[in-house]
Protein backbone atom coordinates (compact mmCIF):
# COMPACT_ATOMS: atom_id res chain seq x y z
CA UNK A 1 -10.14 -10.68 11.71
CA UNK A 2 -10.00 -10.92 7.92
CA UNK A 3 -10.94 -12.93 4.88
CA UNK A 4 -8.41 -13.25 2.07
CA UNK A 5 -9.76 -13.60 -1.46
CA UNK A 6 -7.34 -14.51 -4.26
CA UNK A 7 -8.54 -13.40 -7.68
CA UNK A 8 -7.79 -11.29 -10.72
CA UNK A 9 -11.29 -9.88 -11.20
CA UNK A 10 -13.94 -12.38 -10.18
CA UNK A 11 -17.43 -10.91 -9.49
CA UNK A 12 -17.62 -13.37 -6.58
CA UNK A 13 -15.14 -11.19 -4.67
CA UNK A 14 -17.45 -8.19 -4.92
CA UNK A 15 -20.41 -10.16 -3.59
CA UNK A 16 -18.24 -11.52 -0.79
CA UNK A 17 -17.26 -7.99 0.27
CA UNK A 18 -20.90 -6.95 0.22
CA UNK A 19 -21.97 -9.78 2.49
CA UNK A 20 -19.04 -10.20 4.88
CA UNK A 21 -19.09 -8.44 8.24
CA UNK A 22 -15.31 -8.20 8.40
CA UNK A 23 -12.44 -7.01 6.26
CA UNK A 24 -11.97 -8.76 2.92
CA UNK A 25 -8.42 -8.44 1.58
CA UNK A 26 -8.08 -9.03 -2.16
CA UNK A 27 -4.82 -10.44 -3.54
CA UNK A 28 -3.86 -11.15 -7.13
CA UNK A 29 -2.58 -14.66 -7.84
CA UNK A 30 0.56 -13.15 -9.40
CA UNK A 31 1.76 -11.99 -5.99
CA UNK A 32 -0.21 -14.03 -3.52
CA UNK A 33 2.60 -16.38 -2.53
CA UNK A 34 4.68 -13.60 -1.02
CA UNK A 35 1.70 -11.87 0.54
CA UNK A 36 0.38 -15.05 2.11
CA UNK A 37 3.79 -15.97 3.47
CA UNK A 38 4.13 -12.51 5.03
CA UNK A 39 0.65 -12.54 6.55
CA UNK A 40 0.29 -16.13 7.65
CA UNK A 41 3.80 -16.31 9.06
CA UNK A 42 3.17 -13.55 11.60
CA UNK A 43 -0.54 -13.46 12.36
CA UNK A 44 -3.42 -15.57 13.54
CA UNK A 45 -6.21 -13.24 12.49
CA UNK A 46 -7.23 -14.75 9.14
CA UNK A 47 -10.59 -16.48 9.25
CA UNK A 48 -10.90 -17.80 5.71
CA UNK A 49 -9.09 -17.95 2.37
CA UNK A 50 -11.20 -17.94 -0.81
CA UNK A 51 -9.58 -18.80 -4.15
CA UNK A 52 -11.75 -17.73 -7.08
CA UNK A 53 -12.49 -19.37 -10.41
CA UNK A 54 -10.02 -17.25 -12.39
CA UNK A 55 -7.12 -18.97 -10.58
CA UNK A 56 -6.32 -22.30 -12.26
CA UNK A 57 -6.31 -25.58 -10.35
CA UNK A 58 -2.53 -25.98 -10.11
CA UNK A 59 -1.99 -22.46 -8.78
CA UNK A 60 -4.94 -22.85 -6.43
CA UNK A 61 -3.28 -25.88 -4.88
CA UNK A 62 -0.03 -23.96 -4.53
CA UNK A 63 -1.86 -21.20 -2.71
CA UNK A 64 -3.75 -23.68 -0.53
CA UNK A 65 -0.47 -25.43 0.27
CA UNK A 66 1.02 -22.15 1.52
CA UNK A 67 -1.97 -21.61 3.80
CA UNK A 68 -1.84 -25.20 5.03
CA UNK A 69 1.88 -24.97 5.81
CA UNK A 70 1.41 -21.86 7.95
CA UNK A 71 -1.92 -22.54 9.63
CA UNK A 72 -3.72 -25.85 9.67
CA UNK A 73 -6.88 -24.29 11.09
CA UNK A 74 -7.51 -21.73 8.33
CA UNK A 75 -10.13 -23.15 5.94
CA UNK A 76 -9.66 -22.71 2.19
CA UNK A 77 -12.69 -22.48 -0.11
CA UNK A 78 -12.48 -22.90 -3.89
CA UNK A 79 -14.85 -21.00 -6.17
CA UNK A 80 -15.46 -22.81 -9.46
CA UNK A 81 -17.67 -22.46 -12.51
CA UNK A 82 -18.75 -26.10 -12.08
CA UNK A 83 -17.81 -27.33 -8.60
CA UNK A 84 -16.79 -30.98 -8.29
CA UNK A 85 -16.31 -33.16 -5.22
CA UNK A 86 -13.04 -32.42 -3.49
CA UNK A 87 -10.13 -34.77 -4.10
CA UNK A 88 -8.06 -36.27 -1.31
CA UNK A 89 -5.17 -34.02 -2.38
CA UNK A 90 -7.32 -30.89 -2.10
CA UNK A 91 -8.50 -31.87 1.36
CA UNK A 92 -4.91 -32.59 2.34
CA UNK A 93 -4.06 -28.99 1.47
CA UNK A 94 -6.80 -27.63 3.71
CA UNK A 95 -9.55 -27.10 1.13
CA UNK A 96 -12.89 -27.57 2.87
CA UNK A 97 -15.40 -26.78 0.17
CA UNK A 98 -15.92 -25.90 -3.50
CA UNK A 99 -18.76 -23.49 -4.30
CA UNK A 100 -20.33 -22.17 -7.53
CA UNK A 101 -19.04 -18.89 -8.96
CA UNK A 102 -22.63 -17.77 -9.43
CA UNK A 103 -23.46 -18.13 -5.72
CA UNK A 104 -26.04 -15.61 -4.54
CA UNK A 105 -25.55 -13.27 -1.60
CA UNK A 106 -27.62 -15.60 0.56
CA UNK A 107 -25.48 -18.60 -0.42
CA UNK A 108 -22.30 -16.65 0.36
CA UNK A 109 -23.78 -15.62 3.71
CA UNK A 110 -24.41 -19.28 4.50
CA UNK A 111 -20.87 -20.15 3.38
CA UNK A 112 -19.46 -17.63 5.87
CA UNK A 113 -21.73 -18.92 8.60
CA UNK A 114 -20.41 -22.44 8.01
CA UNK A 115 -16.74 -21.52 8.19
CA UNK A 116 -16.21 -18.25 10.06
CA UNK A 117 -19.54 -17.13 11.52
CA UNK A 118 -21.11 -13.77 10.69
CA UNK A 119 -23.46 -11.34 12.36
CA UNK A 120 -26.41 -13.58 11.42
CA UNK A 121 -28.77 -14.51 14.27
CA UNK A 122 -27.08 -16.84 16.71
CA UNK A 123 -23.54 -16.01 15.58
CA UNK A 124 -21.04 -14.82 18.15
CA UNK A 125 -20.23 -11.13 17.92
CA UNK A 126 -16.88 -10.26 16.34
CA UNK A 127 -14.23 -9.14 18.76
CA UNK A 128 -13.26 -5.51 18.50
CA UNK A 129 -10.00 -5.02 16.66
CA UNK A 130 -7.10 -4.03 18.88
CA UNK A 131 -6.36 -0.33 18.93
CA UNK A 132 -3.70 0.81 16.54
CA UNK A 133 -1.10 2.49 18.71
CA UNK A 134 -0.16 6.05 17.94
CA UNK A 135 3.28 6.38 16.46
CA UNK A 136 5.78 6.58 19.29
CA UNK A 137 8.12 9.51 19.55
CA UNK A 138 11.27 8.30 17.84
CA UNK A 139 14.54 10.19 18.00
CA UNK A 140 15.55 10.81 14.41
CA UNK A 141 19.16 10.54 13.32
CA UNK A 142 19.58 13.09 10.50
CA UNK A 143 22.41 10.99 9.07
CA UNK A 144 20.32 7.81 8.85
CA UNK A 145 19.29 6.80 5.35
CA UNK A 146 15.51 6.78 5.08
CA UNK A 147 13.12 4.67 3.00
CA UNK A 148 9.75 6.46 2.89
CA UNK A 149 6.69 4.60 1.58
CA UNK A 150 3.65 6.67 0.57
CA UNK A 151 0.51 4.55 0.59
CA UNK A 152 -3.27 4.49 0.58
CA UNK A 153 -5.61 1.59 -0.15
CA UNK A 154 -7.86 3.95 -2.14
CA UNK A 155 -6.97 5.43 -5.50
CA UNK A 156 -7.45 9.09 -6.33
CA UNK A 157 -6.32 10.46 -2.95
CA UNK A 158 -3.21 12.20 -4.29
CA UNK A 159 -0.44 9.76 -3.33
CA UNK A 160 1.67 10.57 -6.37
CA UNK A 161 1.28 14.32 -5.83
CA UNK A 162 2.45 13.93 -2.23
CA UNK A 163 5.28 11.54 -3.21
CA UNK A 164 6.73 13.68 -5.98
CA UNK A 165 6.57 16.94 -4.08
CA UNK A 166 8.08 15.31 -0.99
CA UNK A 167 10.92 13.85 -3.06
CA UNK A 168 11.63 17.25 -4.65
CA UNK A 169 11.70 18.94 -1.24
CA UNK A 170 14.07 16.27 0.13
CA UNK A 171 16.31 16.59 -2.92
CA UNK A 172 16.84 20.27 -2.06
CA UNK A 173 18.39 19.14 1.23
CA UNK A 174 20.19 16.21 -0.38
CA UNK A 175 20.84 16.95 -4.08
CA UNK A 176 21.48 13.83 -6.17
CA UNK A 177 21.19 11.85 -2.92
CA UNK A 178 17.39 11.47 -3.12
CA UNK A 179 15.61 8.89 -5.28
CA UNK A 180 11.92 8.44 -5.99
CA UNK A 181 10.84 4.97 -7.12
CA UNK A 182 7.48 4.40 -8.82
CA UNK A 183 6.19 1.11 -7.40
CA UNK A 184 2.71 1.47 -8.91
CA UNK A 185 2.98 -1.46 -11.30
CA UNK A 186 -0.41 -0.88 -12.89
CA UNK A 187 -0.78 2.86 -13.41
CA UNK A 188 2.47 4.45 -12.29
CA UNK A 189 2.66 8.07 -13.39
CA UNK A 190 5.54 9.63 -11.46
CA UNK A 191 7.28 10.17 -14.79
CA UNK A 192 4.33 12.03 -16.29
CA UNK A 193 3.78 14.15 -13.16
CA UNK A 194 7.44 15.19 -13.33
CA UNK A 195 7.25 15.55 -17.12
CA UNK A 196 10.06 13.03 -17.61
CA UNK A 197 10.38 10.90 -20.71
CA UNK A 198 12.15 8.00 -19.04
CA UNK A 199 14.56 6.06 -21.22
CA UNK A 200 14.90 3.34 -18.59
CA UNK A 201 12.29 2.07 -16.16
CA UNK A 202 11.93 -0.09 -13.05
CA UNK A 203 11.96 -3.40 -14.88
CA UNK A 204 15.48 -2.66 -16.21
CA UNK A 205 16.78 -2.67 -12.62
CA UNK A 206 16.29 -6.43 -12.27
CA UNK A 207 18.17 -9.42 -13.60
CA UNK A 208 16.48 -12.75 -14.18
CA UNK A 209 16.90 -13.76 -10.55
CA UNK A 210 18.27 -10.71 -8.78
CA UNK A 211 19.05 -6.99 -8.95
CA UNK A 212 21.44 -5.13 -11.23
CA UNK A 213 24.71 -3.92 -9.63
CA UNK A 214 24.62 -0.44 -8.07
CA UNK A 215 26.51 1.19 -10.94
CA UNK A 216 24.05 -0.24 -13.47
CA UNK A 217 21.06 0.91 -11.41
CA UNK A 218 22.59 4.36 -11.11
CA UNK A 219 22.76 4.55 -14.89
CA UNK A 220 19.02 3.79 -15.09
CA UNK A 221 18.00 6.78 -12.99
CA UNK A 222 16.52 9.87 -14.64
CA UNK A 223 17.41 13.32 -13.28
CA UNK A 224 14.79 15.92 -12.46
CA UNK A 225 15.77 19.55 -11.87
CA UNK A 226 19.41 18.41 -11.53
CA UNK A 227 18.72 17.35 -7.94
CA UNK A 228 16.20 14.48 -7.81
CA UNK A 229 16.82 11.01 -9.24
CA UNK A 230 13.83 9.11 -10.62
CA UNK A 231 13.25 5.41 -11.27
CA UNK A 232 10.05 5.48 -13.29
CA UNK A 233 7.40 2.77 -13.58
CA UNK A 234 7.37 0.41 -16.53
CA UNK A 235 5.09 1.14 -19.45
CA UNK A 236 3.51 -2.33 -19.33
CA UNK A 237 1.36 -3.25 -16.30
CA UNK A 238 2.62 -6.83 -16.69
CA UNK A 239 6.32 -5.89 -16.67
CA UNK A 240 6.92 -6.70 -12.99
CA UNK A 241 5.07 -10.01 -12.96
CA UNK A 242 8.26 -11.89 -13.88
CA UNK A 243 10.09 -10.50 -10.84
CA UNK A 244 9.64 -11.58 -7.23
CA UNK A 245 8.80 -9.44 -4.21
CA UNK A 246 12.17 -10.46 -2.76
CA UNK A 247 13.90 -8.86 -5.75
CA UNK A 248 11.84 -5.71 -5.25
CA UNK A 249 12.78 -5.50 -1.57
CA UNK A 250 16.44 -6.16 -2.42
CA UNK A 251 16.42 -3.30 -4.93
CA UNK A 252 15.14 -0.88 -2.29
CA UNK A 253 17.72 -2.08 0.24
CA UNK A 254 20.43 -1.51 -2.34
CA UNK A 255 19.18 2.00 -3.11
CA UNK A 256 18.93 2.84 0.59
CA UNK A 257 22.62 2.05 1.01
CA UNK A 258 23.59 4.34 -1.86
CA UNK A 259 21.20 7.27 -1.30
CA UNK A 260 20.14 9.26 1.76
CA UNK A 261 16.44 9.29 0.89
CA UNK A 262 14.39 6.76 -1.07
CA UNK A 263 10.76 7.80 -1.58
CA UNK A 264 8.42 5.10 -2.88
CA UNK A 265 5.14 5.89 -4.59
CA UNK A 266 2.79 2.91 -4.41
CA UNK A 267 -0.37 1.83 -6.18
CA UNK A 268 -3.81 1.66 -4.61
CA UNK A 269 -4.53 -1.36 -2.45
CA UNK A 270 -2.06 -3.60 -0.66
CA UNK A 271 -0.21 -4.79 -3.74
CA UNK A 272 2.79 -7.07 -3.73
CA UNK A 273 5.04 -4.11 -4.50
CA UNK A 274 3.61 -2.18 -1.54
CA UNK A 275 4.22 -5.09 0.83
CA UNK A 276 7.76 -5.51 -0.50
CA UNK A 277 8.42 -1.80 0.06
CA UNK A 278 7.02 -1.88 3.61
CA UNK A 279 9.45 -4.65 4.53
CA UNK A 280 12.29 -2.18 3.95
CA UNK A 281 10.60 1.07 5.03
CA UNK A 282 11.86 3.27 7.83
CA UNK A 283 8.83 5.58 7.46
CA UNK A 284 5.32 5.32 6.07
CA UNK A 285 3.18 8.26 4.98
CA UNK A 286 -0.50 7.34 4.91
CA UNK A 287 -2.71 9.50 2.70
CA UNK A 288 -6.47 9.88 2.94
CA UNK A 289 -9.11 12.35 1.86
CA UNK A 290 -12.11 13.62 3.82
CA UNK A 291 -14.59 11.01 2.63
CA UNK A 292 -15.77 8.14 4.79
CA UNK A 293 -14.85 5.39 2.33
CA UNK A 294 -11.24 6.57 2.11
CA UNK A 295 -10.87 6.80 5.89
CA UNK A 296 -12.47 3.39 6.47
CA UNK A 297 -10.28 1.76 3.84
CA UNK A 298 -7.13 3.23 5.39
CA UNK A 299 -8.23 2.18 8.88
CA UNK A 300 -8.68 -1.42 7.68
CA UNK A 301 -5.33 -1.40 5.92
CA UNK A 302 -3.56 -0.02 9.00
CA UNK A 303 -5.22 -2.63 11.23
CA UNK A 304 -4.09 -5.44 8.94
CA UNK A 305 -0.56 -4.17 8.37
CA UNK A 306 -0.10 -3.48 12.06
CA UNK A 307 -1.28 -6.97 12.93
CA UNK A 308 1.26 -8.57 10.60
CA UNK A 309 4.00 -6.19 11.79
CA UNK A 310 4.65 -4.58 8.40
CA UNK A 311 4.28 -0.96 9.51
CA UNK A 312 7.45 0.85 10.58
CA UNK A 313 7.49 2.81 13.84
CA UNK A 314 7.72 6.16 12.05
CA UNK A 315 4.18 6.80 10.82
CA UNK A 316 2.79 10.00 9.35
CA UNK A 317 -0.79 10.86 8.38
CA UNK A 318 -1.66 13.30 5.60
CA UNK A 319 -5.25 14.38 4.95
CA UNK A 320 -5.40 15.58 1.36
CA UNK A 321 -8.01 17.64 -0.51
CA UNK A 322 -9.59 19.01 2.65
CA UNK A 323 -12.66 21.25 2.39
CA UNK A 324 -15.47 22.40 4.63
CA UNK A 325 -18.97 20.98 4.54
CA UNK A 326 -18.01 17.34 4.05
CA UNK A 327 -19.43 16.19 7.37
CA UNK A 328 -15.98 15.15 8.60
CA UNK A 329 -13.44 17.13 10.60
CA UNK A 330 -9.75 16.44 11.02
CA UNK A 331 -10.40 15.38 14.62
CA UNK A 332 -12.91 12.80 13.37
CA UNK A 333 -10.32 11.34 11.01
CA UNK A 334 -7.67 11.32 13.71
CA UNK A 335 -10.03 9.49 16.07
CA UNK A 336 -11.05 6.95 13.41
CA UNK A 337 -7.43 6.16 12.53
CA UNK A 338 -6.21 6.41 16.14
CA UNK A 339 -3.29 8.64 15.22
CA UNK A 340 -2.75 12.38 14.92
CA UNK A 341 -3.05 14.20 11.61
CA UNK A 342 0.43 15.48 10.79
CA UNK A 343 -0.49 17.75 7.89
CA UNK A 344 -3.59 18.66 5.91
CA UNK A 345 -3.74 19.99 2.37
CA UNK A 346 -6.74 21.94 1.12
CA UNK A 347 -8.29 21.17 -2.25
CA UNK A 348 -6.70 23.56 -4.74
CA UNK A 349 -6.80 24.36 -8.44
CA UNK A 350 -3.06 25.04 -8.24
CA UNK A 351 -2.41 21.41 -7.33
CA UNK A 352 -4.47 20.06 -10.24
CA UNK A 353 -2.73 22.50 -12.58
CA UNK A 354 0.70 21.42 -11.34
CA UNK A 355 -0.10 17.77 -12.04
CA UNK A 356 -1.48 18.48 -15.51
CA UNK A 357 1.47 20.66 -16.53
CA UNK A 358 4.20 18.51 -15.00
CA UNK A 359 5.42 21.34 -12.76
CA UNK A 360 5.23 20.24 -9.09
CA UNK A 361 4.45 22.99 -6.59
CA UNK A 362 7.50 22.07 -4.50
CA UNK A 363 9.57 23.22 -7.46
CA UNK A 364 7.75 26.55 -7.80
CA UNK A 365 9.09 29.65 -6.12
CA UNK A 366 5.68 30.92 -5.07
CA UNK A 367 4.20 29.81 -1.75
CA UNK A 368 1.49 27.18 -1.81
CA UNK A 369 -0.28 25.15 0.86
CA UNK A 370 0.98 21.87 -0.55
CA UNK A 371 4.54 23.19 -0.45
CA UNK A 372 4.07 24.11 3.21
CA UNK A 373 2.67 20.67 4.01
CA UNK A 374 5.55 18.97 2.24
CA UNK A 375 8.07 21.15 4.08
CA UNK A 376 6.39 20.01 7.30
CA UNK A 377 6.82 16.36 6.34
CA UNK A 378 10.47 16.96 5.47
CA UNK A 379 11.01 18.61 8.85
CA UNK A 380 9.47 15.66 10.65
CA UNK A 381 11.41 13.10 8.62
CA UNK A 382 14.65 14.93 9.36
CA UNK A 383 13.85 15.46 13.04
CA UNK A 384 13.79 19.24 12.67
CA UNK A 385 11.77 21.41 15.05
CA UNK A 386 8.30 22.13 13.71
CA UNK A 387 5.27 23.99 14.98
CA UNK A 388 1.67 24.52 13.91
CA UNK A 389 0.81 27.49 11.75
CA UNK A 390 -2.34 27.81 9.70
CA UNK A 391 -3.32 24.17 10.12
CA UNK A 392 0.06 22.93 8.93
CA UNK A 393 3.35 22.05 10.53
CA UNK A 394 5.99 24.46 9.31
CA UNK A 395 9.71 24.64 9.97
CA UNK A 396 10.70 27.20 12.55
CA UNK A 397 12.83 29.87 11.01
């Protein structure tokens, strides 16, 4: 069960997360229409939608209308600097209340009690979330084109490091038939990690209402090491706001027809670009570190994405930056996420150095733990036989 809060950066959202006894999913108004359509069209596990004061009245009504069209029983609450009595039109769109932006924690707690119930005295206990099933054993066709999304709701877990090294390793098996796409619209740095000065970026792949033809898109790709093709992120964080999630999904579908492997590096959180990528994905690689907040955030994201049927069947779990003495073991993480850990990567100075110098370890000739972990992921993606060695899955020689 979840609460959706639509905001750019309202402090109300932070207080709501602090008070709520269930998952609070934050969406930006620039991509909320697609996200709400995806979620509300396939699930009945949303308790409340909160639209904050930094979303103007017209857009708030558009968002409320989307909710109302999908589910009449999901209440919508407006947060406003100076709340006014609700109009007949607002009530028609499912808005049940308007509350002050400066509401205290106690007032927010009472708001939740009115509309969804919380763990306050007398409230019914929340039902336990359904178990996330372990990824089934899927027979892999080596000739099938694969779209691999690398994601984590938390930043700083090493998604880009995993993405770039995985793409390089795949490009060795499929030279010039592997593409990495930087879908981190805010802080994409695939280009800098690969030390590429991209002349063309992701935004150039779109037309006003569609996607550029395949030959045009091919001309936008940057080559790395004469094997890997790169579609770098735009310089401006606002560059993708003028394009729709449907266009983003269509671009990935087009690339997947033309290239054997498409690896997608995503931003932190469940952004619109991440959701668009998951709609096309054949595989998802989930990355976490050995801290409780990272594991909990990933567990909540998996629960939500699994509920709305946006996770592909091929799921892989990477625990990055492992070290002893953290209070967590790999078995603890596996149990919390209800899926096996496929590979683990120890914290290493070599990895930090590779990122800072723009020389990925998968490109280096010397052996490194990250390179072994990436080779393990490649083996699993390609359906090659793998076995455990030293805490990692390695290809059998």
